[in-house]
Amino acid sequence: MSSIWHQKPNLDMINDQMNKNTIVEWLGIQITEVGDDFLSGTMPADTRTFQPYGVVHGGANVVLAETLGSVAGAHVIDMSTTKCLGQDVNATHLRPVSSGLVLGIAKPIHLGRRSHVWEIRLTNEAGKLTCISKLTLAILPLS
């Protein structure tokens, strides 16, 4: 299989520089692995990400999903001439997570010149599916 990356994501640069002083850093999200056709990461299930019932907030799941898909999408395009912006994101929450880590993996469904569609699957540490999300990115020229 050939790689989807225009520029292979650099985990240290993303985690230490790109996401510095953002919601991604605040929630403890880390990009953890880059494959030929996927990007994965984690988010802690703790007080930063909980809703009042002691489980991960659906919005936190969406932040993790959109982060993984957006970071991946940015590395598929030529960032010297184009940028990608989230256009639509949805999430179906299937199972609560109350401790440990939420693990996510983003894989492309469609990589076009003007749009991308990414599927992001979130699981608990036992590997059980907790949320499935779809992200549409608009690919725009830099202006």
N, C-alpha and C. Protein backbone atom coordinates (compact mmCIF):
# COMPACT_ATOMS: atom_id res chain seq x y z
N MET A 1 0.84 -1.18 0.00
CA MET A 1 0.00 0.00 0.00
C MET A 1 0.89 1.24 0.00
N SER A 2 0.52 2.23 -0.80
CA SER A 2 1.27 3.47 -0.82
C SER A 2 0.72 4.42 0.25
N SER A 3 1.55 5.34 0.63
CA SER A 3 1.19 6.28 1.69
C SER A 3 0.30 7.40 1.15
N ILE A 4 -0.61 7.90 2.00
CA ILE A 4 -1.50 9.00 1.63
C ILE A 4 -0.87 10.36 1.88
N TRP A 5 0.26 10.40 2.56
CA TRP A 5 0.81 11.66 3.07
C TRP A 5 1.56 12.46 2.01
N HIS A 6 1.24 13.75 1.89
CA HIS A 6 2.07 14.68 1.11
C HIS A 6 3.31 14.98 1.93
N GLN A 7 3.09 15.21 3.23
CA GLN A 7 4.16 15.39 4.20
C GLN A 7 3.82 14.52 5.39
N LYS A 8 4.64 13.50 5.66
CA LYS A 8 4.35 12.59 6.77
C LYS A 8 4.29 13.36 8.08
N PRO A 9 3.23 13.18 8.87
CA PRO A 9 3.13 13.88 10.15
C PRO A 9 4.29 13.56 11.09
N ASN A 10 4.82 14.59 11.71
CA ASN A 10 5.90 14.48 12.69
C ASN A 10 5.27 14.59 14.07
N LEU A 11 5.24 13.50 14.81
CA LEU A 11 4.56 13.46 16.10
C LEU A 11 5.07 14.50 17.09
N ASP A 12 6.39 14.67 17.17
CA ASP A 12 6.95 15.65 18.11
C ASP A 12 6.52 17.06 17.74
N MET A 13 6.58 17.41 16.46
CA MET A 13 6.19 18.74 16.02
C MET A 13 4.71 19.00 16.30
N ILE A 14 3.87 18.02 16.02
CA ILE A 14 2.43 18.18 16.24
C ILE A 14 2.13 18.34 17.73
N ASN A 15 2.64 17.43 18.54
CA ASN A 15 2.32 17.42 19.97
C ASN A 15 2.98 18.57 20.73
N ASP A 16 4.21 18.92 20.36
CA ASP A 16 4.95 19.92 21.14
C ASP A 16 4.81 21.35 20.61
N GLN A 17 4.49 21.52 19.32
CA GLN A 17 4.44 22.86 18.74
C GLN A 17 3.07 23.20 18.18
N MET A 18 2.58 22.39 17.26
CA MET A 18 1.33 22.70 16.55
C MET A 18 0.15 22.83 17.51
N ASN A 19 0.06 21.96 18.50
CA ASN A 19 -1.10 21.94 19.40
C ASN A 19 -0.87 22.71 20.70
N LYS A 20 0.27 23.39 20.81
CA LYS A 20 0.59 24.16 22.02
C LYS A 20 -0.43 25.29 22.19
N ASN A 21 -0.90 25.47 23.43
CA ASN A 21 -1.83 26.55 23.78
C ASN A 21 -3.16 26.46 23.02
N THR A 22 -3.62 25.26 22.79
CA THR A 22 -4.90 25.04 22.12
C THR A 22 -5.78 24.14 22.99
N ILE A 23 -7.02 23.95 22.58
CA ILE A 23 -7.92 23.03 23.27
C ILE A 23 -7.34 21.62 23.29
N VAL A 24 -6.58 21.28 22.26
CA VAL A 24 -5.96 19.95 22.16
C VAL A 24 -5.01 19.74 23.34
N GLU A 25 -4.17 20.72 23.61
CA GLU A 25 -3.25 20.62 24.76
C GLU A 25 -4.05 20.60 26.07
N TRP A 26 -5.04 21.47 26.18
CA TRP A 26 -5.84 21.57 27.41
C TRP A 26 -6.50 20.23 27.75
N LEU A 27 -7.03 19.53 26.75
CA LEU A 27 -7.71 18.26 27.00
C LEU A 27 -6.76 17.08 27.11
N GLY A 28 -5.48 17.29 26.89
CA GLY A 28 -4.49 16.21 27.02
C GLY A 28 -4.45 15.27 25.83
N ILE A 29 -4.92 15.73 24.68
CA ILE A 29 -4.91 14.91 23.47
C ILE A 29 -3.47 14.79 22.96
N GLN A 30 -3.09 13.58 22.60
CA GLN A 30 -1.77 13.31 22.03
C GLN A 30 -1.93 12.54 20.73
N ILE A 31 -1.20 12.94 19.71
CA ILE A 31 -1.13 12.16 18.47
C ILE A 31 -0.06 11.09 18.74
N THR A 32 -0.42 9.82 18.51
CA THR A 32 0.47 8.74 18.96
C THR A 32 1.07 7.88 17.86
N GLU A 33 0.43 7.82 16.69
CA GLU A 33 0.94 6.93 15.65
C GLU A 33 0.52 7.42 14.28
N VAL A 34 1.42 7.20 13.33
CA VAL A 34 1.16 7.51 11.92
C VAL A 34 1.42 6.24 11.12
N GLY A 35 0.41 5.80 10.38
CA GLY A 35 0.58 4.67 9.47
C GLY A 35 0.54 5.17 8.04
N ASP A 36 0.58 4.26 7.09
CA ASP A 36 0.52 4.66 5.68
C ASP A 36 -0.81 5.32 5.33
N ASP A 37 -1.89 4.94 6.02
CA ASP A 37 -3.21 5.49 5.68
C ASP A 37 -4.04 5.84 6.92
N PHE A 38 -3.38 6.13 8.05
CA PHE A 38 -4.14 6.49 9.25
C PHE A 38 -3.29 7.34 10.17
N LEU A 39 -4.00 8.01 11.08
CA LEU A 39 -3.39 8.77 12.16
C LEU A 39 -4.15 8.40 13.41
N SER A 40 -3.44 8.16 14.51
CA SER A 40 -4.14 7.80 15.74
C SER A 40 -3.66 8.68 16.90
N GLY A 41 -4.51 8.72 17.93
CA GLY A 41 -4.19 9.52 19.10
C GLY A 41 -5.03 9.10 20.29
N THR A 42 -4.76 9.76 21.41
CA THR A 42 -5.44 9.43 22.66
C THR A 42 -5.92 10.70 23.36
N MET A 43 -6.89 10.51 24.23
CA MET A 43 -7.39 11.57 25.09
C MET A 43 -7.71 10.94 26.45
N PRO A 44 -7.26 11.55 27.55
CA PRO A 44 -7.56 10.97 28.86
C PRO A 44 -9.04 11.12 29.21
N ALA A 45 -9.55 10.12 29.89
CA ALA A 45 -10.89 10.20 30.47
C ALA A 45 -10.68 10.65 31.91
N ASP A 46 -10.78 11.97 32.12
CA ASP A 46 -10.57 12.53 33.45
C ASP A 46 -11.38 13.81 33.60
N THR A 47 -11.14 14.55 34.66
CA THR A 47 -11.96 15.73 34.95
C THR A 47 -11.93 16.77 33.83
N ARG A 48 -10.89 16.81 33.02
CA ARG A 48 -10.84 17.76 31.90
C ARG A 48 -11.85 17.41 30.82
N THR A 49 -12.17 16.13 30.70
CA THR A 49 -13.00 15.67 29.58
C THR A 49 -14.37 15.16 30.02
N PHE A 50 -14.63 15.10 31.33
CA PHE A 50 -15.90 14.55 31.83
C PHE A 50 -17.05 15.54 31.74
N GLN A 51 -18.24 14.99 31.65
CA GLN A 51 -19.48 15.73 31.88
C GLN A 51 -19.92 15.41 33.31
N PRO A 52 -21.00 16.01 33.81
CA PRO A 52 -21.36 15.86 35.22
C PRO A 52 -21.60 14.43 35.72
N TYR A 53 -21.88 13.48 34.84
CA TYR A 53 -22.12 12.10 35.27
C TYR A 53 -20.84 11.27 35.37
N GLY A 54 -19.68 11.89 35.21
CA GLY A 54 -18.42 11.18 35.39
C GLY A 54 -17.99 10.34 34.22
N VAL A 55 -18.48 10.67 33.03
CA VAL A 55 -18.05 9.99 31.81
C VAL A 55 -17.61 11.06 30.80
N VAL A 56 -16.86 10.63 29.79
CA VAL A 56 -16.36 11.56 28.79
C VAL A 56 -17.53 12.27 28.10
N HIS A 57 -17.43 13.58 28.04
CA HIS A 57 -18.43 14.44 27.40
C HIS A 57 -18.42 14.18 25.89
N GLY A 58 -19.60 14.14 25.30
CA GLY A 58 -19.69 13.94 23.85
C GLY A 58 -18.91 14.99 23.08
N GLY A 59 -18.91 16.22 23.57
CA GLY A 59 -18.16 17.28 22.90
C GLY A 59 -16.66 17.02 22.92
N ALA A 60 -16.17 16.43 24.00
CA ALA A 60 -14.75 16.08 24.07
C ALA A 60 -14.42 15.01 23.03
N ASN A 61 -15.34 14.04 22.87
CA ASN A 61 -15.15 13.04 21.80
C ASN A 61 -15.05 13.71 20.44
N VAL A 62 -15.89 14.72 20.21
CA VAL A 62 -15.88 15.42 18.93
C VAL A 62 -14.58 16.19 18.75
N VAL A 63 -14.06 16.79 19.82
CA VAL A 63 -12.77 17.48 19.72
C VAL A 63 -11.68 16.50 19.34
N LEU A 64 -11.64 15.33 19.97
CA LEU A 64 -10.65 14.32 19.61
C LEU A 64 -10.82 13.90 18.16
N ALA A 65 -12.03 13.60 17.75
CA ALA A 65 -12.28 13.15 16.37
C ALA A 65 -11.88 14.22 15.36
N GLU A 66 -12.31 15.46 15.59
CA GLU A 66 -11.99 16.52 14.62
C GLU A 66 -10.49 16.81 14.60
N THR A 67 -9.84 16.70 15.75
CA THR A 67 -8.40 16.90 15.80
C THR A 67 -7.67 15.86 14.95
N LEU A 68 -8.02 14.60 15.14
CA LEU A 68 -7.35 13.55 14.38
C LEU A 68 -7.58 13.71 12.88
N GLY A 69 -8.82 13.94 12.49
CA GLY A 69 -9.13 14.09 11.07
C GLY A 69 -8.50 15.34 10.47
N SER A 70 -8.51 16.44 11.20
CA SER A 70 -7.95 17.69 10.68
C SER A 70 -6.44 17.64 10.56
N VAL A 71 -5.78 17.10 11.57
CA VAL A 71 -4.32 16.97 11.51
C VAL A 71 -3.94 16.05 10.35
N ALA A 72 -4.65 14.95 10.22
CA ALA A 72 -4.38 14.04 9.10
C ALA A 72 -4.61 14.74 7.77
N GLY A 73 -5.75 15.41 7.63
CA GLY A 73 -6.07 16.10 6.38
C GLY A 73 -5.03 17.13 6.01
N ALA A 74 -4.52 17.86 7.00
CA ALA A 74 -3.52 18.89 6.73
C ALA A 74 -2.23 18.29 6.16
N HIS A 75 -1.94 17.05 6.51
CA HIS A 75 -0.71 16.42 6.05
C HIS A 75 -0.88 15.67 4.73
N VAL A 76 -2.11 15.57 4.26
CA VAL A 76 -2.36 14.95 2.95
C VAL A 76 -2.22 15.99 1.84
N ILE A 77 -2.53 17.25 2.17
CA ILE A 77 -2.47 18.32 1.18
C ILE A 77 -1.10 18.99 1.18
N ASP A 78 -0.86 19.82 0.20
CA ASP A 78 0.34 20.64 0.14
C ASP A 78 0.06 21.91 0.93
N MET A 79 0.55 21.97 2.17
CA MET A 79 0.24 23.10 3.05
C MET A 79 0.89 24.40 2.61
N SER A 80 1.76 24.36 1.60
CA SER A 80 2.34 25.60 1.11
C SER A 80 1.40 26.30 0.13
N THR A 81 0.38 25.59 -0.36
CA THR A 81 -0.55 26.19 -1.33
C THR A 81 -2.01 26.08 -0.90
N THR A 82 -2.32 25.16 0.00
CA THR A 82 -3.71 24.94 0.40
C THR A 82 -3.82 24.78 1.91
N LYS A 83 -5.04 24.92 2.40
CA LYS A 83 -5.34 24.68 3.81
C LYS A 83 -6.62 23.86 3.88
N CYS A 84 -6.84 23.18 4.98
CA CYS A 84 -8.09 22.45 5.15
C CYS A 84 -8.79 22.97 6.39
N LEU A 85 -10.11 23.10 6.26
CA LEU A 85 -10.94 23.59 7.35
C LEU A 85 -12.11 22.65 7.55
N GLY A 86 -12.45 22.39 8.80
CA GLY A 86 -13.60 21.56 9.09
C GLY A 86 -14.87 22.18 8.53
N GLN A 87 -15.63 21.39 7.82
CA GLN A 87 -16.88 21.86 7.22
C GLN A 87 -18.09 21.22 7.90
N ASP A 88 -17.94 19.95 8.29
CA ASP A 88 -19.03 19.24 8.95
C ASP A 88 -18.42 18.13 9.79
N VAL A 89 -18.94 17.96 10.99
CA VAL A 89 -18.51 16.85 11.84
C VAL A 89 -19.75 16.31 12.53
N ASN A 90 -19.82 14.99 12.59
CA ASN A 90 -20.90 14.38 13.37
C ASN A 90 -20.32 13.23 14.17
N ALA A 91 -21.04 12.86 15.20
CA ALA A 91 -20.56 11.80 16.08
C ALA A 91 -21.75 11.04 16.65
N THR A 92 -21.62 9.74 16.68
CA THR A 92 -22.61 8.88 17.33
C THR A 92 -21.90 8.23 18.51
N HIS A 93 -22.39 8.54 19.70
CA HIS A 93 -21.79 8.04 20.94
C HIS A 93 -22.45 6.71 21.28
N LEU A 94 -21.63 5.68 21.41
CA LEU A 94 -22.14 4.31 21.56
C LEU A 94 -21.97 3.73 22.95
N ARG A 95 -20.94 4.15 23.66
CA ARG A 95 -20.63 3.56 24.97
C ARG A 95 -19.89 4.60 25.80
N PRO A 96 -20.23 4.76 27.07
CA PRO A 96 -19.52 5.74 27.89
C PRO A 96 -18.11 5.26 28.27
N VAL A 97 -17.24 6.24 28.52
CA VAL A 97 -15.90 5.95 29.02
C VAL A 97 -15.73 6.75 30.31
N SER A 98 -15.37 6.06 31.41
CA SER A 98 -15.27 6.71 32.70
C SER A 98 -13.87 6.72 33.29
N SER A 99 -12.93 6.05 32.63
CA SER A 99 -11.55 6.05 33.13
C SER A 99 -10.61 5.64 32.00
N GLY A 100 -9.32 5.86 32.25
CA GLY A 100 -8.32 5.45 31.27
C GLY A 100 -8.19 6.43 30.13
N LEU A 101 -8.05 5.87 28.93
CA LEU A 101 -7.87 6.67 27.73
C LEU A 101 -8.96 6.38 26.71
N VAL A 102 -9.29 7.39 25.94
CA VAL A 102 -10.07 7.20 24.72
C VAL A 102 -9.03 7.16 23.60
N LEU A 103 -9.09 6.12 22.78
CA LEU A 103 -8.16 5.96 21.68
C LEU A 103 -8.91 6.22 20.38
N GLY A 104 -8.29 6.93 19.46
CA GLY A 104 -8.94 7.25 18.20
C GLY A 104 -8.05 6.96 17.02
N ILE A 105 -8.69 6.60 15.92
CA ILE A 105 -7.97 6.37 14.66
C ILE A 105 -8.76 7.01 13.53
N ALA A 106 -8.08 7.83 12.74
CA ALA A 106 -8.70 8.51 11.61
C ALA A 106 -8.19 7.88 10.31
N LYS A 107 -9.15 7.53 9.45
CA LYS A 107 -8.82 6.97 8.13
C LYS A 107 -9.66 7.69 7.08
N PRO A 108 -9.07 7.93 5.91
CA PRO A 108 -9.83 8.63 4.88
C PRO A 108 -10.88 7.74 4.23
N ILE A 109 -12.02 8.36 3.94
CA ILE A 109 -13.05 7.73 3.11
C ILE A 109 -12.94 8.27 1.69
N HIS A 110 -12.64 9.59 1.59
CA HIS A 110 -12.52 10.27 0.29
C HIS A 110 -11.47 11.35 0.41
N LEU A 111 -10.52 11.37 -0.52
CA LEU A 111 -9.50 12.41 -0.56
C LEU A 111 -9.56 13.08 -1.92
N GLY A 112 -10.36 14.13 -2.02
CA GLY A 112 -10.50 14.85 -3.27
C GLY A 112 -9.69 16.12 -3.30
N ARG A 113 -9.72 16.81 -4.42
CA ARG A 113 -8.98 18.07 -4.54
C ARG A 113 -9.62 19.19 -3.73
N ARG A 114 -10.96 19.15 -3.57
CA ARG A 114 -11.66 20.23 -2.89
C ARG A 114 -12.28 19.82 -1.55
N SER A 115 -12.32 18.52 -1.28
CA SER A 115 -12.86 18.07 0.00
C SER A 115 -12.28 16.72 0.38
N HIS A 116 -12.26 16.49 1.67
CA HIS A 116 -11.89 15.19 2.24
C HIS A 116 -13.03 14.74 3.14
N VAL A 117 -13.22 13.43 3.24
CA VAL A 117 -14.12 12.86 4.23
C VAL A 117 -13.31 11.82 5.00
N TRP A 118 -13.33 11.96 6.33
CA TRP A 118 -12.58 11.08 7.22
C TRP A 118 -13.54 10.36 8.17
N GLU A 119 -13.25 9.10 8.44
CA GLU A 119 -13.96 8.35 9.47
C GLU A 119 -13.02 8.23 10.66
N ILE A 120 -13.54 8.57 11.83
CA ILE A 120 -12.76 8.49 13.05
C ILE A 120 -13.49 7.56 14.02
N ARG A 121 -12.82 6.50 14.41
CA ARG A 121 -13.38 5.51 15.33
C ARG A 121 -12.70 5.67 16.68
N LEU A 122 -13.50 5.88 17.73
CA LEU A 122 -12.98 6.01 19.08
C LEU A 122 -13.32 4.75 19.87
N THR A 123 -12.36 4.28 20.67
CA THR A 123 -12.56 3.08 21.47
C THR A 123 -12.07 3.34 22.89
N ASN A 124 -12.48 2.45 23.80
CA ASN A 124 -11.92 2.48 25.15
C ASN A 124 -10.65 1.62 25.15
N GLU A 125 -10.00 1.54 26.28
CA GLU A 125 -8.75 0.78 26.34
C GLU A 125 -8.95 -0.72 26.13
N ALA A 126 -10.18 -1.20 26.31
CA ALA A 126 -10.48 -2.62 26.05
C ALA A 126 -10.73 -2.87 24.56
N GLY A 127 -10.67 -1.80 23.75
CA GLY A 127 -10.88 -1.96 22.31
C GLY A 127 -12.34 -1.91 21.89
N LYS A 128 -13.24 -1.59 22.82
CA LYS A 128 -14.67 -1.52 22.47
C LYS A 128 -14.99 -0.16 21.87
N LEU A 129 -15.74 -0.18 20.78
CA LEU A 129 -16.11 1.04 20.08
C LEU A 129 -16.99 1.91 20.98
N THR A 130 -16.58 3.16 21.17
CA THR A 130 -17.33 4.08 22.04
C THR A 130 -17.99 5.21 21.26
N CYS A 131 -17.44 5.55 20.10
CA CYS A 131 -17.98 6.64 19.29
C CYS A 131 -17.49 6.47 17.86
N ILE A 132 -18.35 6.78 16.92
CA ILE A 132 -17.93 6.82 15.52
C ILE A 132 -18.28 8.19 14.97
N SER A 133 -17.33 8.77 14.27
CA SER A 133 -17.48 10.14 13.79
C SER A 133 -17.09 10.22 12.33
N LYS A 134 -17.70 11.19 11.64
CA LYS A 134 -17.35 11.48 10.25
C LYS A 134 -17.05 12.97 10.16
N LEU A 135 -15.94 13.30 9.53
CA LEU A 135 -15.50 14.68 9.38
C LEU A 135 -15.33 15.00 7.91
N THR A 136 -15.94 16.10 7.47
CA THR A 136 -15.74 16.61 6.13
C THR A 136 -14.88 17.85 6.22
N LEU A 137 -13.80 17.87 5.44
CA LEU A 137 -12.89 19.00 5.39
C LEU A 137 -13.00 19.69 4.04
N ALA A 138 -13.07 21.01 4.04
CA ALA A 138 -12.98 21.79 2.81
C ALA A 138 -11.51 22.05 2.54
N ILE A 139 -11.08 21.84 1.30
CA ILE A 139 -9.71 22.12 0.90
C ILE A 139 -9.73 23.42 0.10
N LEU A 140 -9.04 24.43 0.64
CA LEU A 140 -9.08 25.78 0.07
C LEU A 140 -7.70 26.29 -0.25
N PRO A 141 -7.59 27.15 -1.26
CA PRO A 141 -6.29 27.77 -1.54
C PRO A 141 -5.91 28.73 -0.41
N LEU A 142 -4.61 28.85 -0.14
CA LEU A 142 -4.17 29.87 0.81
C LEU A 142 -4.44 31.24 0.21
N SER A 143 -4.84 32.16 1.06
CA SER A 143 -5.10 33.51 0.52
C SER A 143 -4.34 34.56 1.28
